[in-house]
Amino acid sequence: MTSKELLYVTDALGHEQFFQTKCQEAANQLQDAELKACVQQMAQKHQQIFQNFYGLL
C-alpha cells in the first residue's frame, strides 16, 4: 500500500468515526422513538463501515 493510499484509508476511518459519533449524539437527543431508531441504525452502519475499512489493514 502506498503512503497516499494509507492516508486515504486513515481519512476514511476518521470520517466514519466522526459520522458514527455524531449520529449517536443526535440519537441520544431525539424524543421520537422511530426517528431515534433510524438514526441509531445509521450510527451502527457507520460503525460497520469503519470496521470494514479497519479490516483492510
PDB file of N, CA and C in Angstrom:
ATOM      1  N   MET A   1       0.856  -1.175   0.000  1.00  0.00           N
ATOM      2  CA  MET A   1       0.000   0.000   0.000  1.00  0.00           C
ATOM      3  C   MET A   1       0.900   1.236   0.000  1.00  0.00           C
ATOM      4  N   THR A   2       0.602   2.159  -0.881  1.00  0.00           N
ATOM      5  CA  THR A   2       1.401   3.379  -0.953  1.00  0.00           C
ATOM      6  C   THR A   2       1.041   4.307   0.209  1.00  0.00           C
ATOM      7  N   SER A   3       1.895   5.285   0.437  1.00  0.00           N
ATOM      8  CA  SER A   3       1.621   6.235   1.521  1.00  0.00           C
ATOM      9  C   SER A   3       0.354   7.037   1.241  1.00  0.00           C
ATOM     10  N   LYS A   4       0.100   7.334  -0.025  1.00  0.00           N
ATOM     11  CA  LYS A   4      -1.108   8.080  -0.383  1.00  0.00           C
ATOM     12  C   LYS A   4      -2.362   7.236  -0.119  1.00  0.00           C
ATOM     13  N   GLU A   5      -2.290   5.956  -0.431  1.00  0.00           N
ATOM     14  CA  GLU A   5      -3.414   5.064  -0.165  1.00  0.00           C
ATOM     15  C   GLU A   5      -3.651   4.924   1.334  1.00  0.00           C
ATOM     16  N   LEU A   6      -2.576   4.847   2.087  1.00  0.00           N
ATOM     17  CA  LEU A   6      -2.694   4.753   3.536  1.00  0.00           C
ATOM     18  C   LEU A   6      -3.328   6.011   4.114  1.00  0.00           C
ATOM     19  N   LEU A   7      -2.982   7.170   3.582  1.00  0.00           N
ATOM     20  CA  LEU A   7      -3.611   8.419   4.021  1.00  0.00           C
ATOM     21  C   LEU A   7      -5.104   8.418   3.714  1.00  0.00           C
ATOM     22  N   TYR A   8      -5.475   7.873   2.549  1.00  0.00           N
ATOM     23  CA  TYR A   8      -6.889   7.796   2.185  1.00  0.00           C
ATOM     24  C   TYR A   8      -7.643   6.915   3.185  1.00  0.00           C
ATOM     25  N   VAL A   9      -7.080   5.766   3.510  1.00  0.00           N
ATOM     26  CA  VAL A   9      -7.731   4.857   4.451  1.00  0.00           C
ATOM     27  C   VAL A   9      -7.820   5.504   5.833  1.00  0.00           C
ATOM     28  N   THR A  10      -6.776   6.189   6.242  1.00  0.00           N
ATOM     29  CA  THR A  10      -6.778   6.881   7.533  1.00  0.00           C
ATOM     30  C   THR A  10      -7.875   7.943   7.567  1.00  0.00           C
ATOM     31  N   ASP A  11      -7.996   8.710   6.494  1.00  0.00           N
ATOM     32  CA  ASP A  11      -9.058   9.717   6.407  1.00  0.00           C
ATOM     33  C   ASP A  11     -10.435   9.067   6.457  1.00  0.00           C
ATOM     34  N   ALA A  12     -10.593   7.989   5.712  1.00  0.00           N
ATOM     35  CA  ALA A  12     -11.886   7.299   5.679  1.00  0.00           C
ATOM     36  C   ALA A  12     -12.254   6.782   7.073  1.00  0.00           C
ATOM     37  N   LEU A  13     -11.269   6.221   7.780  1.00  0.00           N
ATOM     38  CA  LEU A  13     -11.528   5.748   9.144  1.00  0.00           C
ATOM     39  C   LEU A  13     -11.966   6.899  10.047  1.00  0.00           C
ATOM     40  N   GLY A  14     -11.276   8.018   9.938  1.00  0.00           N
ATOM     41  CA  GLY A  14     -11.632   9.193  10.742  1.00  0.00           C
ATOM     42  C   GLY A  14     -13.022   9.707  10.437  1.00  0.00           C
ATOM     43  N   HIS A  15     -13.375   9.726   9.157  1.00  0.00           N
ATOM     44  CA  HIS A  15     -14.712  10.199   8.771  1.00  0.00           C
ATOM     45  C   HIS A  15     -15.795   9.280   9.311  1.00  0.00           C
ATOM     46  N   GLU A  16     -15.577   7.983   9.200  1.00  0.00           N
ATOM     47  CA  GLU A  16     -16.584   7.046   9.687  1.00  0.00           C
ATOM     48  C   GLU A  16     -16.738   7.135  11.205  1.00  0.00           C
ATOM     49  N   GLN A  17     -15.649   7.322  11.928  1.00  0.00           N
ATOM     50  CA  GLN A  17     -15.743   7.506  13.381  1.00  0.00           C
ATOM     51  C   GLN A  17     -16.531   8.771  13.705  1.00  0.00           C
ATOM     52  N   PHE A  18     -16.241   9.844  12.960  1.00  0.00           N
ATOM     53  CA  PHE A  18     -16.935  11.113  13.170  1.00  0.00           C
ATOM     54  C   PHE A  18     -18.432  10.960  12.914  1.00  0.00           C
ATOM     55  N   PHE A  19     -18.795  10.330  11.780  1.00  0.00           N
ATOM     56  CA  PHE A  19     -20.210  10.146  11.442  1.00  0.00           C
ATOM     57  C   PHE A  19     -20.919   9.283  12.485  1.00  0.00           C
ATOM     58  N   GLN A  20     -20.246   8.229  12.935  1.00  0.00           N
ATOM     59  CA  GLN A  20     -20.839   7.350  13.931  1.00  0.00           C
ATOM     60  C   GLN A  20     -21.082   8.109  15.225  1.00  0.00           C
ATOM     61  N   THR A  21     -20.107   8.894  15.655  1.00  0.00           N
ATOM     62  CA  THR A  21     -20.230   9.670  16.885  1.00  0.00           C
ATOM     63  C   THR A  21     -21.361  10.686  16.781  1.00  0.00           C
ATOM     64  N   LYS A  22     -21.416  11.404  15.679  1.00  0.00           N
ATOM     65  CA  LYS A  22     -22.452  12.434  15.507  1.00  0.00           C
ATOM     66  C   LYS A  22     -23.842  11.820  15.443  1.00  0.00           C
ATOM     67  N   CYS A  23     -23.976  10.686  14.767  1.00  0.00           N
ATOM     68  CA  CYS A  23     -25.278  10.010  14.714  1.00  0.00           C
ATOM     69  C   CYS A  23     -25.700   9.569  16.106  1.00  0.00           C
ATOM     70  N   GLN A  24     -24.776   9.020  16.869  1.00  0.00           N
ATOM     71  CA  GLN A  24     -25.110   8.565  18.223  1.00  0.00           C
ATOM     72  C   GLN A  24     -25.479   9.737  19.115  1.00  0.00           C
ATOM     73  N   GLU A  25     -24.756  10.847  18.997  1.00  0.00           N
ATOM     74  CA  GLU A  25     -25.088  12.038  19.776  1.00  0.00           C
ATOM     75  C   GLU A  25     -26.477  12.548  19.418  1.00  0.00           C
ATOM     76  N   ALA A  26     -26.791  12.565  18.128  1.00  0.00           N
ATOM     77  CA  ALA A  26     -28.108  13.023  17.692  1.00  0.00           C
ATOM     78  C   ALA A  26     -29.203  12.085  18.195  1.00  0.00           C
ATOM     79  N   ALA A  27     -28.957  10.789  18.110  1.00  0.00           N
ATOM     80  CA  ALA A  27     -29.950   9.814  18.570  1.00  0.00           C
ATOM     81  C   ALA A  27     -30.234   9.985  20.057  1.00  0.00           C
ATOM     82  N   ASN A  28     -29.207  10.278  20.820  1.00  0.00           N
ATOM     83  CA  ASN A  28     -29.386  10.455  22.263  1.00  0.00           C
ATOM     84  C   ASN A  28     -30.249  11.664  22.608  1.00  0.00           C
ATOM     85  N   GLN A  29     -30.360  12.604  21.697  1.00  0.00           N
ATOM     86  CA  GLN A  29     -31.142  13.812  21.952  1.00  0.00           C
ATOM     87  C   GLN A  29     -32.561  13.734  21.395  1.00  0.00           C
ATOM     88  N   LEU A  30     -32.837  12.730  20.577  1.00  0.00           N
ATOM     89  CA  LEU A  30     -34.154  12.626  19.946  1.00  0.00           C
ATOM     90  C   LEU A  30     -35.188  12.040  20.899  1.00  0.00           C
ATOM     91  N   GLN A  31     -36.397  12.550  20.805  1.00  0.00           N
ATOM     92  CA  GLN A  31     -37.507  12.051  21.607  1.00  0.00           C
ATOM     93  C   GLN A  31     -38.379  11.072  20.825  1.00  0.00           C
ATOM     94  N   ASP A  32     -38.513  11.301  19.529  1.00  0.00           N
ATOM     95  CA  ASP A  32     -39.328  10.436  18.680  1.00  0.00           C
ATOM     96  C   ASP A  32     -38.655   9.069  18.544  1.00  0.00           C
ATOM     97  N   ALA A  33     -39.325   8.028  18.989  1.00  0.00           N
ATOM     98  CA  ALA A  33     -38.740   6.686  19.032  1.00  0.00           C
ATOM     99  C   ALA A  33     -38.386   6.163  17.642  1.00  0.00           C
ATOM    100  N   GLU A  34     -39.247   6.408  16.667  1.00  0.00           N
ATOM    101  CA  GLU A  34     -38.996   5.912  15.311  1.00  0.00           C
ATOM    102  C   GLU A  34     -37.796   6.608  14.682  1.00  0.00           C
ATOM    103  N   LEU A  35     -37.728   7.913  14.834  1.00  0.00           N
ATOM    104  CA  LEU A  35     -36.601   8.677  14.302  1.00  0.00           C
ATOM    105  C   LEU A  35     -35.310   8.310  15.027  1.00  0.00           C
ATOM    106  N   LYS A  36     -35.398   8.131  16.338  1.00  0.00           N
ATOM    107  CA  LYS A  36     -34.241   7.740  17.132  1.00  0.00           C
ATOM    108  C   LYS A  36     -33.694   6.398  16.660  1.00  0.00           C
ATOM    109  N   ALA A  37     -34.574   5.444  16.409  1.00  0.00           N
ATOM    110  CA  ALA A  37     -34.152   4.122  15.936  1.00  0.00           C
ATOM    111  C   ALA A  37     -33.483   4.221  14.562  1.00  0.00           C
ATOM    112  N   CYS A  38     -34.003   5.076  13.707  1.00  0.00           N
ATOM    113  CA  CYS A  38     -33.422   5.275  12.379  1.00  0.00           C
ATOM    114  C   CYS A  38     -32.004   5.834  12.481  1.00  0.00           C
ATOM    115  N   VAL A  39     -31.822   6.823  13.323  1.00  0.00           N
ATOM    116  CA  VAL A  39     -30.506   7.446  13.481  1.00  0.00           C
ATOM    117  C   VAL A  39     -29.533   6.475  14.158  1.00  0.00           C
ATOM    118  N   GLN A  40     -30.032   5.665  15.078  1.00  0.00           N
ATOM    119  CA  GLN A  40     -29.176   4.651  15.703  1.00  0.00           C
ATOM    120  C   GLN A  40     -28.724   3.618  14.667  1.00  0.00           C
ATOM    121  N   GLN A  41     -29.598   3.274  13.736  1.00  0.00           N
ATOM    122  CA  GLN A  41     -29.223   2.359  12.648  1.00  0.00           C
ATOM    123  C   GLN A  41     -28.133   2.980  11.785  1.00  0.00           C
ATOM    124  N   MET A  42     -28.238   4.275  11.548  1.00  0.00           N
ATOM    125  CA  MET A  42     -27.203   4.965  10.780  1.00  0.00           C
ATOM    126  C   MET A  42     -25.873   4.916  11.519  1.00  0.00           C
ATOM    127  N   ALA A  43     -25.899   5.109  12.828  1.00  0.00           N
ATOM    128  CA  ALA A  43     -24.681   5.040  13.636  1.00  0.00           C
ATOM    129  C   ALA A  43     -24.066   3.653  13.552  1.00  0.00           C
ATOM    130  N   GLN A  44     -24.898   2.632  13.629  1.00  0.00           N
ATOM    131  CA  GLN A  44     -24.407   1.257  13.524  1.00  0.00           C
ATOM    132  C   GLN A  44     -23.813   0.985  12.150  1.00  0.00           C
ATOM    133  N   LYS A  45     -24.431   1.528  11.115  1.00  0.00           N
ATOM    134  CA  LYS A  45     -23.918   1.340   9.757  1.00  0.00           C
ATOM    135  C   LYS A  45     -22.541   1.974   9.614  1.00  0.00           C
ATOM    136  N   HIS A  46     -22.357   3.165  10.166  1.00  0.00           N
ATOM    137  CA  HIS A  46     -21.048   3.815  10.097  1.00  0.00           C
ATOM    138  C   HIS A  46     -20.010   3.045  10.909  1.00  0.00           C
ATOM    139  N   GLN A  47     -20.431   2.446  12.016  1.00  0.00           N
ATOM    140  CA  GLN A  47     -19.512   1.615  12.792  1.00  0.00           C
ATOM    141  C   GLN A  47     -19.103   0.387  11.978  1.00  0.00           C
ATOM    142  N   GLN A  48     -20.053  -0.186  11.272  1.00  0.00           N
ATOM    143  CA  GLN A  48     -19.773  -1.354  10.433  1.00  0.00           C
ATOM    144  C   GLN A  48     -18.821  -0.994   9.294  1.00  0.00           C
ATOM    145  N   ILE A  49     -19.035   0.152   8.677  1.00  0.00           N
ATOM    146  CA  ILE A  49     -18.146   0.608   7.605  1.00  0.00           C
ATOM    147  C   ILE A  49     -16.745   0.826   8.157  1.00  0.00           C
ATOM    148  N   PHE A  50     -16.651   1.437   9.343  1.00  0.00           N
ATOM    149  CA  PHE A  50     -15.348   1.630   9.997  1.00  0.00           C
ATOM    150  C   PHE A  50     -14.632   0.288  10.173  1.00  0.00           C
ATOM    151  N   GLN A  51     -15.358  -0.681  10.689  1.00  0.00           N
ATOM    152  CA  GLN A  51     -14.760  -1.995  10.930  1.00  0.00           C
ATOM    153  C   GLN A  51     -14.301  -2.644   9.617  1.00  0.00           C
ATOM    154  N   ASN A  52     -15.068  -2.454   8.558  1.00  0.00           N
ATOM    155  CA  ASN A  52     -14.678  -2.998   7.256  1.00  0.00           C
ATOM    156  C   ASN A  52     -13.400  -2.355   6.748  1.00  0.00           C
ATOM    157  N   PHE A  53     -13.314  -1.034   6.843  1.00  0.00           N
ATOM    158  CA  PHE A  53     -12.101  -0.339   6.447  1.00  0.00           C
ATOM    159  C   PHE A  53     -10.914  -0.787   7.290  1.00  0.00           C
ATOM    160  N   TYR A  54     -11.137  -0.870   8.596  1.00  0.00           N
ATOM    161  CA  TYR A  54     -10.067  -1.267   9.515  1.00  0.00           C
ATOM    162  C   TYR A  54      -9.587  -2.687   9.203  1.00  0.00           C
ATOM    163  N   GLY A  55     -10.523  -3.530   8.807  1.00  0.00           N
ATOM    164  CA  GLY A  55     -10.186  -4.891   8.451  1.00  0.00           C
ATOM    165  C   GLY A  55      -9.283  -4.996   7.236  1.00  0.00           C
ATOM    166  N   LEU A  56      -9.307  -3.983   6.396  1.00  0.00           N
ATOM    167  CA  LEU A  56      -8.436  -3.964   5.219  1.00  0.00           C
ATOM    168  C   LEU A  56      -6.970  -3.817   5.604  1.00  0.00           C
ATOM    169  N   LEU A  57      -6.739  -3.244   6.774  1.00  0.00           N
ATOM    170  CA  LEU A  57      -5.373  -3.033   7.219  1.00  0.00           C
ATOM    171  C   LEU A  57      -4.850  -4.306   7.812  1.00  0.00           C
TER     172      LEU A  57
END
